[in-house]
Amino acid sequence: MNIDRPPRLAQLWLLFVTTLLAAPIVWMVLSSLKSPEQIAAAPYSWWPRPWRWGNYAEAVQAIPFLRYLGNSVVLCLGSVAGTLFSCSLVAYGFSRLRWPGRDLVFGLLIATMLLPWQVTMIPRFLVIRELGLYDSLWALVLPKFFGEAFYIFLLRQFFLTVPQEMIDAARVDGCSELGVLWRVMLPLARPALATVALLETIAAWNDYGGPLLYLNDPKRFPLAYGLEQFVSAHSSETHLLLAAAVLFTLPMVLLFFFAQRAFVRGVTTTGIKG
């Protein structure tokens, strides 16, 4: 019996799936470096001749790209800060504090994950408008300081893996509950926190519904919504659309490339109770 056959078949299958998934991205990048005539030429050619790097400069100049980029960076940083602050506090309360009705409340929290965003869209809009935050980035950042059910669940599962003896020792040494969270739990939870930060960064970067609902001034548009405006204004210039799409995608690809080790470690260790 050949024991090498299953791994080789698995590798071939993974190579096939990877090629299948990567083909549209490769096509997008290569086509962004072509002229409009090359994109529409028949028969189709994968390689640009010549390579038109100026497409990226034209795409950046066609819209206030740097302003949109700055808004997206502010939105991502604010969303990550709010998510880590609120979700770590709530997750610690669900994992290490005992209080009446804790499990029931946690079950209700998890049940909210079943609600689609469209169900809470109108109530959220009314609350944001009454608070006077409409047409500001705070309308997108402030809700992150009130927690997110999935991230709370993720951090709670990681906090449960921390030995109770370490927490008891910190309490004996005089740490308050916030001191235990800050000095013991959070340093140990760095992989889980990195995973939450990465997921929230990607979610905030790709968010289109939020800016569409809460923002009206073009000066406050993030890249996700600004790209839609670019599509409306330059729908016939395919080479510029593809160049703008590459510029929009590149930061998230680089972020995941550099953070993939922490992300994988956080995912594999979360939920394994020690």
C-alpha atoms as a PDB file:
ATOM      1  CA  MET A   1       0.000   0.000   0.000  1.00  0.00           C
ATOM      2  CA  ASN A   2       1.328   3.392  -0.994  1.00  0.00           C
ATOM      3  CA  ILE A   3       0.938   5.689   1.997  1.00  0.00           C
ATOM      4  CA  ASP A   4       2.193   8.710   0.030  1.00  0.00           C
ATOM      5  CA  ARG A   5      -0.773   8.793  -2.337  1.00  0.00           C
ATOM      6  CA  PRO A   6      -3.327  10.527  -0.061  1.00  0.00           C
ATOM      7  CA  PRO A   7      -0.994  13.443   0.823  1.00  0.00           C
ATOM      8  CA  ARG A   8      -0.074  13.930  -2.838  1.00  0.00           C
ATOM      9  CA  LEU A   9      -3.707  13.882  -3.871  1.00  0.00           C
ATOM     10  CA  ALA A  10      -4.484  16.368  -1.146  1.00  0.00           C
ATOM     11  CA  GLN A  11      -1.665  18.629  -2.301  1.00  0.00           C
ATOM     12  CA  LEU A  12      -2.841  18.459  -5.908  1.00  0.00           C
ATOM     13  CA  TRP A  13      -6.376  19.280  -4.814  1.00  0.00           C
ATOM     14  CA  LEU A  14      -5.199  22.219  -2.729  1.00  0.00           C
ATOM     15  CA  LEU A  15      -3.100  23.459  -5.649  1.00  0.00           C
ATOM     16  CA  PHE A  16      -6.120  23.235  -7.959  1.00  0.00           C
ATOM     17  CA  VAL A  17      -8.393  25.088  -5.527  1.00  0.00           C
ATOM     18  CA  THR A  18      -5.745  27.753  -4.877  1.00  0.00           C
ATOM     19  CA  THR A  19      -5.263  28.307  -8.601  1.00  0.00           C
ATOM     20  CA  LEU A  20      -9.006  28.529  -9.110  1.00  0.00           C
ATOM     21  CA  LEU A  21      -9.408  31.110  -6.361  1.00  0.00           C
ATOM     22  CA  ALA A  22      -6.308  33.108  -7.294  1.00  0.00           C
ATOM     23  CA  ALA A  23      -7.118  33.358 -11.017  1.00  0.00           C
ATOM     24  CA  PRO A  24      -9.600  36.286 -10.697  1.00  0.00           C
ATOM     25  CA  ILE A  25      -7.150  38.221  -8.513  1.00  0.00           C
ATOM     26  CA  VAL A  26      -4.276  37.643 -10.934  1.00  0.00           C
ATOM     27  CA  TRP A  27      -6.535  38.704 -13.816  1.00  0.00           C
ATOM     28  CA  MET A  28      -7.528  41.872 -11.952  1.00  0.00           C
ATOM     29  CA  VAL A  29      -3.915  42.845 -11.226  1.00  0.00           C
ATOM     30  CA  LEU A  30      -2.674  42.147 -14.761  1.00  0.00           C
ATOM     31  CA  SER A  31      -5.653  43.863 -16.403  1.00  0.00           C
ATOM     32  CA  SER A  32      -5.128  46.937 -14.235  1.00  0.00           C
ATOM     33  CA  LEU A  33      -1.794  47.393 -16.041  1.00  0.00           C
ATOM     34  CA  LYS A  34      -3.281  47.260 -19.549  1.00  0.00           C
ATOM     35  CA  SER A  35      -4.642  49.863 -21.900  1.00  0.00           C
ATOM     36  CA  PRO A  36      -8.399  49.915 -22.649  1.00  0.00           C
ATOM     37  CA  GLU A  37      -7.671  48.518 -26.113  1.00  0.00           C
ATOM     38  CA  GLN A  38      -5.769  45.541 -24.686  1.00  0.00           C
ATOM     39  CA  ILE A  39      -8.570  44.687 -22.274  1.00  0.00           C
ATOM     40  CA  ALA A  40     -11.120  44.626 -25.105  1.00  0.00           C
ATOM     41  CA  ALA A  41      -8.799  42.915 -27.633  1.00  0.00           C
ATOM     42  CA  ALA A  42      -9.581  39.510 -29.119  1.00  0.00           C
ATOM     43  CA  PRO A  43      -8.011  37.038 -28.723  1.00  0.00           C
ATOM     44  CA  TYR A  44      -7.460  37.852 -25.079  1.00  0.00           C
ATOM     45  CA  SER A  45      -3.899  38.144 -23.780  1.00  0.00           C
ATOM     46  CA  TRP A  46      -2.997  37.787 -20.089  1.00  0.00           C
ATOM     47  CA  TRP A  47       0.195  39.823 -20.180  1.00  0.00           C
ATOM     48  CA  PRO A  48       0.135  43.629 -20.563  1.00  0.00           C
ATOM     49  CA  ARG A  49       2.094  45.031 -23.500  1.00  0.00           C
ATOM     50  CA  PRO A  50       3.363  47.499 -22.454  1.00  0.00           C
ATOM     51  CA  TRP A  51       2.916  47.611 -18.674  1.00  0.00           C
ATOM     52  CA  ARG A  52       0.945  50.788 -17.925  1.00  0.00           C
ATOM     53  CA  TRP A  53       1.865  51.699 -14.354  1.00  0.00           C
ATOM     54  CA  GLY A  54       0.356  55.115 -14.975  1.00  0.00           C
ATOM     55  CA  ASN A  55      -3.122  53.598 -14.591  1.00  0.00           C
ATOM     56  CA  TYR A  56      -2.664  53.720 -10.818  1.00  0.00           C
ATOM     57  CA  ALA A  57      -1.696  57.391 -10.850  1.00  0.00           C
ATOM     58  CA  GLU A  58      -4.738  58.192 -12.994  1.00  0.00           C
ATOM     59  CA  ALA A  59      -7.013  56.225 -10.668  1.00  0.00           C
ATOM     60  CA  VAL A  60      -5.676  58.071  -7.614  1.00  0.00           C
ATOM     61  CA  GLN A  61      -6.131  61.443  -9.316  1.00  0.00           C
ATOM     62  CA  ALA A  62      -9.646  60.643 -10.538  1.00  0.00           C
ATOM     63  CA  ILE A  63     -11.025  60.674  -6.974  1.00  0.00           C
ATOM     64  CA  PRO A  64      -9.803  62.159  -3.661  1.00  0.00           C
ATOM     65  CA  PHE A  65      -8.110  58.847  -2.930  1.00  0.00           C
ATOM     66  CA  LEU A  66      -5.901  60.039  -0.071  1.00  0.00           C
ATOM     67  CA  ARG A  67      -8.866  61.635   1.718  1.00  0.00           C
ATOM     68  CA  TYR A  68     -10.889  58.432   1.391  1.00  0.00           C
ATOM     69  CA  LEU A  69      -7.864  56.445   2.553  1.00  0.00           C
ATOM     70  CA  GLY A  70      -7.462  58.663   5.612  1.00  0.00           C
ATOM     71  CA  ASN A  71     -11.136  58.226   6.500  1.00  0.00           C
ATOM     72  CA  SER A  72     -10.817  54.455   6.177  1.00  0.00           C
ATOM     73  CA  VAL A  73      -7.733  54.400   8.416  1.00  0.00           C
ATOM     74  CA  VAL A  74      -9.503  56.483  11.076  1.00  0.00           C
ATOM     75  CA  LEU A  75     -12.557  54.240  10.817  1.00  0.00           C
ATOM     76  CA  CYS A  76     -10.484  51.068  11.169  1.00  0.00           C
ATOM     77  CA  LEU A  77      -8.444  52.359  14.120  1.00  0.00           C
ATOM     78  CA  GLY A  78     -11.522  53.601  15.955  1.00  0.00           C
ATOM     79  CA  SER A  79     -13.454  50.404  15.294  1.00  0.00           C
ATOM     80  CA  VAL A  80     -10.586  48.200  16.479  1.00  0.00           C
ATOM     81  CA  ALA A  81     -10.040  50.279  19.633  1.00  0.00           C
ATOM     82  CA  GLY A  82     -13.741  50.240  20.505  1.00  0.00           C
ATOM     83  CA  THR A  83     -14.107  46.537  19.793  1.00  0.00           C
ATOM     84  CA  LEU A  84     -11.091  45.467  21.856  1.00  0.00           C
ATOM     85  CA  PHE A  85     -12.057  47.718  24.767  1.00  0.00           C
ATOM     86  CA  SER A  86     -15.708  46.689  25.008  1.00  0.00           C
ATOM     87  CA  CYS A  87     -15.491  43.043  24.027  1.00  0.00           C
ATOM     88  CA  SER A  88     -12.601  42.232  26.381  1.00  0.00           C
ATOM     89  CA  LEU A  89     -14.485  43.716  29.338  1.00  0.00           C
ATOM     90  CA  VAL A  90     -17.702  41.877  28.555  1.00  0.00           C
ATOM     91  CA  ALA A  91     -15.905  38.608  27.758  1.00  0.00           C
ATOM     92  CA  TYR A  92     -14.102  38.748  31.109  1.00  0.00           C
ATOM     93  CA  GLY A  93     -17.399  39.288  32.885  1.00  0.00           C
ATOM     94  CA  PHE A  94     -18.928  36.261  31.171  1.00  0.00           C
ATOM     95  CA  SER A  95     -15.924  34.010  31.695  1.00  0.00           C
ATOM     96  CA  ARG A  96     -14.562  34.762  35.191  1.00  0.00           C
ATOM     97  CA  LEU A  97     -17.212  36.616  37.178  1.00  0.00           C
ATOM     98  CA  ARG A  98     -20.145  34.849  38.804  1.00  0.00           C
ATOM     99  CA  TRP A  99     -23.437  36.745  38.905  1.00  0.00           C
ATOM    100  CA  PRO A 100     -27.118  35.749  38.780  1.00  0.00           C
ATOM    101  CA  GLY A 101     -28.432  35.081  35.286  1.00  0.00           C
ATOM    102  CA  ARG A 102     -25.002  35.101  33.671  1.00  0.00           C
ATOM    103  CA  ASP A 103     -25.587  32.056  31.464  1.00  0.00           C
ATOM    104  CA  LEU A 104     -29.050  33.292  30.437  1.00  0.00           C
ATOM    105  CA  VAL A 105     -27.717  36.691  29.423  1.00  0.00           C
ATOM    106  CA  PHE A 106     -24.864  35.047  27.538  1.00  0.00           C
ATOM    107  CA  GLY A 107     -27.367  32.888  25.666  1.00  0.00           C
ATOM    108  CA  LEU A 108     -29.354  35.986  24.713  1.00  0.00           C
ATOM    109  CA  LEU A 109     -26.144  37.632  23.537  1.00  0.00           C
ATOM    110  CA  ILE A 110     -25.318  34.681  21.304  1.00  0.00           C
ATOM    111  CA  ALA A 111     -28.900  34.694  19.990  1.00  0.00           C
ATOM    112  CA  THR A 112     -28.388  38.220  18.666  1.00  0.00           C
ATOM    113  CA  MET A 113     -25.907  36.790  16.172  1.00  0.00           C
ATOM    114  CA  LEU A 114     -28.914  35.308  14.360  1.00  0.00           C
ATOM    115  CA  LEU A 115     -30.299  38.770  13.604  1.00  0.00           C
ATOM    116  CA  PRO A 116     -29.251  40.106  10.195  1.00  0.00           C
ATOM    117  CA  TRP A 117     -27.935  43.644   9.965  1.00  0.00           C
ATOM    118  CA  GLN A 118     -31.029  44.747   8.037  1.00  0.00           C
ATOM    119  CA  VAL A 119     -33.275  44.044  11.048  1.00  0.00           C
ATOM    120  CA  THR A 120     -31.470  46.547  13.291  1.00  0.00           C
ATOM    121  CA  MET A 121     -30.636  49.017  10.528  1.00  0.00           C
ATOM    122  CA  ILE A 122     -33.572  51.399  11.079  1.00  0.00           C
ATOM    123  CA  PRO A 123     -33.442  51.409  14.920  1.00  0.00           C
ATOM    124  CA  ARG A 124     -29.706  52.100  14.793  1.00  0.00           C
ATOM    125  CA  PHE A 125     -30.224  54.933  12.337  1.00  0.00           C
ATOM    126  CA  LEU A 126     -32.863  56.526  14.563  1.00  0.00           C
ATOM    127  CA  VAL A 127     -30.589  56.294  17.610  1.00  0.00           C
ATOM    128  CA  ILE A 128     -27.631  57.763  15.722  1.00  0.00           C
ATOM    129  CA  ARG A 129     -29.780  60.618  14.431  1.00  0.00           C
ATOM    130  CA  GLU A 130     -31.160  61.421  17.894  1.00  0.00           C
ATOM    131  CA  LEU A 131     -27.604  61.503  19.274  1.00  0.00           C
ATOM    132  CA  GLY A 132     -26.645  64.055  16.632  1.00  0.00           C
ATOM    133  CA  LEU A 133     -23.985  61.820  15.085  1.00  0.00           C
ATOM    134  CA  TYR A 134     -25.465  61.546  11.593  1.00  0.00           C
ATOM    135  CA  ASP A 135     -23.001  62.339   8.799  1.00  0.00           C
ATOM    136  CA  SER A 136     -19.931  61.801  10.978  1.00  0.00           C
ATOM    137  CA  LEU A 137     -17.467  58.938  11.373  1.00  0.00           C
ATOM    138  CA  TRP A 138     -18.581  58.655  15.008  1.00  0.00           C
ATOM    139  CA  ALA A 139     -21.811  57.150  13.710  1.00  0.00           C
ATOM    140  CA  LEU A 140     -19.731  54.171  12.550  1.00  0.00           C
ATOM    141  CA  VAL A 141     -17.189  54.073  15.393  1.00  0.00           C
ATOM    142  CA  LEU A 142     -19.333  54.654  18.491  1.00  0.00           C
ATOM    143  CA  PRO A 143     -21.413  51.421  18.204  1.00  0.00           C
ATOM    144  CA  LYS A 144     -18.160  49.448  18.389  1.00  0.00           C
ATOM    145  CA  PHE A 145     -17.713  50.611  22.006  1.00  0.00           C
ATOM    146  CA  PHE A 146     -20.847  48.654  22.965  1.00  0.00           C
ATOM    147  CA  GLY A 147     -19.535  45.234  22.003  1.00  0.00           C
ATOM    148  CA  GLU A 148     -19.993  42.685  19.248  1.00  0.00           C
ATOM    149  CA  ALA A 149     -21.498  39.301  20.037  1.00  0.00           C
ATOM    150  CA  PHE A 150     -19.113  37.219  17.923  1.00  0.00           C
ATOM    151  CA  TYR A 151     -15.960  38.853  19.291  1.00  0.00           C
ATOM    152  CA  ILE A 152     -17.259  38.589  22.864  1.00  0.00           C
ATOM    153  CA  PHE A 153     -17.823  34.881  22.319  1.00  0.00           C
ATOM    154  CA  LEU A 154     -14.357  34.470  20.799  1.00  0.00           C
ATOM    155  CA  LEU A 155     -12.579  36.223  23.677  1.00  0.00           C
ATOM    156  CA  ARG A 156     -14.688  34.483  26.309  1.00  0.00           C
ATOM    157  CA  GLN A 157     -13.651  31.103  24.953  1.00  0.00           C
ATOM    158  CA  PHE A 158     -10.002  32.129  25.141  1.00  0.00           C
ATOM    159  CA  PHE A 159     -10.332  33.531  28.658  1.00  0.00           C
ATOM    160  CA  LEU A 160     -11.738  30.182  29.791  1.00  0.00           C
ATOM    161  CA  THR A 161      -8.444  28.535  28.841  1.00  0.00           C
ATOM    162  CA  VAL A 162      -6.487  30.604  31.401  1.00  0.00           C
ATOM    163  CA  PRO A 163      -5.905  28.526  34.569  1.00  0.00           C
ATOM    164  CA  GLN A 164      -8.007  29.688  37.501  1.00  0.00           C
ATOM    165  CA  GLU A 165      -4.960  29.430  39.774  1.00  0.00           C
ATOM    166  CA  MET A 166      -3.309  32.386  37.991  1.00  0.00           C
ATOM    167  CA  ILE A 167      -6.382  34.531  38.541  1.00  0.00           C
ATOM    168  CA  ASP A 168      -6.660  33.537  42.194  1.00  0.00           C
ATOM    169  CA  ALA A 169      -2.977  34.346  42.715  1.00  0.00           C
ATOM    170  CA  ALA A 170      -3.467  37.811  41.207  1.00  0.00           C
ATOM    171  CA  ARG A 171      -6.439  38.431  43.480  1.00  0.00           C
ATOM    172  CA  VAL A 172      -4.441  37.333  46.534  1.00  0.00           C
ATOM    173  CA  ASP A 173      -1.721  39.806  45.527  1.00  0.00           C
ATOM    174  CA  GLY A 174      -4.296  42.585  45.721  1.00  0.00           C
ATOM    175  CA  CYS A 175      -5.384  42.968  42.093  1.00  0.00           C
ATOM    176  CA  SER A 176      -8.908  44.159  41.462  1.00  0.00           C
ATOM    177  CA  GLU A 177     -10.959  42.534  38.730  1.00  0.00           C
ATOM    178  CA  LEU A 178      -9.823  45.202  36.291  1.00  0.00           C
ATOM    179  CA  GLY A 179      -6.256  44.580  37.459  1.00  0.00           C
ATOM    180  CA  VAL A 180      -6.635  40.863  36.763  1.00  0.00           C
ATOM    181  CA  LEU A 181      -7.964  41.657  33.306  1.00  0.00           C
ATOM    182  CA  TRP A 182      -5.180  44.137  32.532  1.00  0.00           C
ATOM    183  CA  ARG A 183      -2.215  42.344  34.113  1.00  0.00           C
ATOM    184  CA  VAL A 184      -3.091  38.676  33.595  1.00  0.00           C
ATOM    185  CA  MET A 185      -5.795  38.053  31.004  1.00  0.00           C
ATOM    186  CA  LEU A 186      -4.956  40.534  28.276  1.00  0.00           C
ATOM    187  CA  PRO A 187      -1.210  39.713  28.076  1.00  0.00           C
ATOM    188  CA  LEU A 188      -2.072  36.020  27.752  1.00  0.00           C
ATOM    189  CA  ALA A 189      -4.820  36.756  25.237  1.00  0.00           C
ATOM    190  CA  ARG A 190      -2.626  38.543  22.710  1.00  0.00           C
ATOM    191  CA  PRO A 191      -3.238  35.941  19.953  1.00  0.00           C
ATOM    192  CA  ALA A 192      -7.011  36.181  20.443  1.00  0.00           C
ATOM    193  CA  LEU A 193      -6.858  39.974  20.589  1.00  0.00           C
ATOM    194  CA  ALA A 194      -4.819  40.019  17.384  1.00  0.00           C
ATOM    195  CA  THR A 195      -7.417  37.806  15.716  1.00  0.00           C
ATOM    196  CA  VAL A 196     -10.249  40.099  16.802  1.00  0.00           C
ATOM    197  CA  ALA A 197      -8.306  43.172  15.670  1.00  0.00           C
ATOM    198  CA  LEU A 198      -7.600  41.645  12.268  1.00  0.00           C
ATOM    199  CA  LEU A 199     -11.205  40.553  11.694  1.00  0.00           C
ATOM    200  CA  GLU A 200     -12.578  43.926  12.780  1.00  0.00           C
ATOM    201  CA  THR A 201     -10.086  45.797  10.597  1.00  0.00           C
ATOM    202  CA  ILE A 202     -11.195  43.824   7.560  1.00  0.00           C
ATOM    203  CA  ALA A 203     -14.870  44.327   8.443  1.00  0.00           C
ATOM    204  CA  ALA A 204     -14.440  48.099   8.918  1.00  0.00           C
ATOM    205  CA  TRP A 205     -12.348  48.427   5.761  1.00  0.00           C
ATOM    206  CA  ASN A 206     -14.935  46.600   3.627  1.00  0.00           C
ATOM    207  CA  ASP A 207     -17.990  48.180   5.271  1.00  0.00           C
ATOM    208  CA  TYR A 208     -20.268  49.647   2.619  1.00  0.00           C
ATOM    209  CA  GLY A 209     -23.716  49.589   4.237  1.00  0.00           C
ATOM    210  CA  GLY A 210     -22.701  51.700   7.226  1.00  0.00           C
ATOM    211  CA  PRO A 211     -21.267  54.648   5.248  1.00  0.00           C
ATOM    212  CA  LEU A 212     -24.171  54.436   2.813  1.00  0.00           C
ATOM    213  CA  LEU A 213     -26.647  54.758   5.698  1.00  0.00           C
ATOM    214  CA  TYR A 214     -24.918  57.246   8.009  1.00  0.00           C
ATOM    215  CA  LEU A 215     -22.767  59.471   5.777  1.00  0.00           C
ATOM    216  CA  ASN A 216     -23.808  62.167   3.342  1.00  0.00           C
ATOM    217  CA  ASP A 217     -20.792  64.456   2.981  1.00  0.00           C
ATOM    218  CA  PRO A 218     -18.320  63.135   0.348  1.00  0.00           C
ATOM    219  CA  LYS A 219     -15.428  64.469   2.465  1.00  0.00           C
ATOM    220  CA  ARG A 220     -16.187  61.765   5.056  1.00  0.00           C
ATOM    221  CA  PHE A 221     -16.516  58.808   2.687  1.00  0.00           C
ATOM    222  CA  PRO A 222     -14.186  55.847   3.327  1.00  0.00           C
ATOM    223  CA  LEU A 223     -12.598  53.964   0.462  1.00  0.00           C
ATOM    224  CA  ALA A 224     -15.312  51.302   0.286  1.00  0.00           C
ATOM    225  CA  TYR A 225     -17.997  53.900  -0.439  1.00  0.00           C
ATOM    226  CA  GLY A 226     -15.655  56.129  -2.423  1.00  0.00           C
ATOM    227  CA  LEU A 227     -14.900  53.213  -4.724  1.00  0.00           C
ATOM    228  CA  GLU A 228     -18.606  52.919  -5.499  1.00  0.00           C
ATOM    229  CA  GLN A 229     -18.658  56.600  -6.418  1.00  0.00           C
ATOM    230  CA  PHE A 230     -15.644  55.948  -8.634  1.00  0.00           C
ATOM    231  CA  VAL A 231     -17.515  53.138 -10.392  1.00  0.00           C
ATOM    232  CA  SER A 232     -20.466  55.453 -11.059  1.00  0.00           C
ATOM    233  CA  ALA A 233     -18.265  58.204 -12.504  1.00  0.00           C
ATOM    234  CA  HIS A 234     -15.862  56.001 -14.530  1.00  0.00           C
ATOM    235  CA  SER A 235     -17.944  52.982 -15.479  1.00  0.00           C
ATOM    236  CA  SER A 236     -16.552  52.919 -19.033  1.00  0.00           C
ATOM    237  CA  GLU A 237     -12.875  53.113 -18.005  1.00  0.00           C
ATOM    238  CA  THR A 238     -12.287  49.497 -17.050  1.00  0.00           C
ATOM    239  CA  HIS A 239      -8.523  49.845 -16.665  1.00  0.00           C
ATOM    240  CA  LEU A 240      -8.959  52.592 -14.061  1.00  0.00           C
ATOM    241  CA  LEU A 241     -11.674  50.641 -12.252  1.00  0.00           C
ATOM    242  CA  LEU A 242      -9.369  47.646 -11.949  1.00  0.00           C
ATOM    243  CA  ALA A 243      -6.465  49.821 -10.796  1.00  0.00           C
ATOM    244  CA  ALA A 244      -8.677  51.358  -8.092  1.00  0.00           C
ATOM    245  CA  ALA A 245      -9.855  47.884  -7.054  1.00  0.00           C
ATOM    246  CA  VAL A 246      -6.236  46.718  -6.688  1.00  0.00           C
ATOM    247  CA  LEU A 247      -5.370  49.757  -4.556  1.00  0.00           C
ATOM    248  CA  PHE A 248      -8.409  49.062  -2.375  1.00  0.00           C
ATOM    249  CA  THR A 249      -7.545  45.375  -1.934  1.00  0.00           C
ATOM    250  CA  LEU A 250      -3.782  45.667  -1.459  1.00  0.00           C
ATOM    251  CA  PRO A 251      -3.741  46.991   2.164  1.00  0.00           C
ATOM    252  CA  MET A 252      -5.870  44.097   3.438  1.00  0.00           C
ATOM    253  CA  VAL A 253      -3.746  41.543   1.581  1.00  0.00           C
ATOM    254  CA  LEU A 254      -0.564  42.960   3.111  1.00  0.00           C
ATOM    255  CA  LEU A 255      -2.175  43.142   6.558  1.00  0.00           C
ATOM    256  CA  PHE A 256      -3.212  39.507   6.473  1.00  0.00           C
ATOM    257  CA  PHE A 257       0.177  38.472   5.082  1.00  0.00           C
ATOM    258  CA  PHE A 258       2.044  40.037   8.004  1.00  0.00           C
ATOM    259  CA  ALA A 259      -0.537  39.087  10.659  1.00  0.00           C
ATOM    260  CA  GLN A 260      -1.360  35.566   9.509  1.00  0.00           C
ATOM    261  CA  ARG A 261       0.806  33.872  12.156  1.00  0.00           C
ATOM    262  CA  ALA A 262      -0.958  35.669  15.018  1.00  0.00           C
ATOM    263  CA  PHE A 263      -4.315  35.061  13.344  1.00  0.00           C
ATOM    264  CA  VAL A 264      -3.777  31.314  12.958  1.00  0.00           C
ATOM    265  CA  ARG A 265      -2.461  31.041  16.505  1.00  0.00           C
ATOM    266  CA  GLY A 266      -5.462  32.904  17.873  1.00  0.00           C
ATOM    267  CA  VAL A 267      -7.952  30.755  15.979  1.00  0.00           C
ATOM    268  CA  THR A 268      -6.302  27.454  16.952  1.00  0.00           C
ATOM    269  CA  THR A 269      -5.933  28.268  20.641  1.00  0.00           C
ATOM    270  CA  THR A 270      -9.373  29.839  21.163  1.00  0.00           C
ATOM    271  CA  GLY A 271     -11.861  27.416  22.620  1.00  0.00           C
ATOM    272  CA  ILE A 272      -9.293  24.827  23.811  1.00  0.00           C
ATOM    273  CA  LYS A 273      -9.901  24.842  27.530  1.00  0.00           C
ATOM    274  CA  GLY A 274      -6.851  24.164  29.667  1.00  0.00           C
END
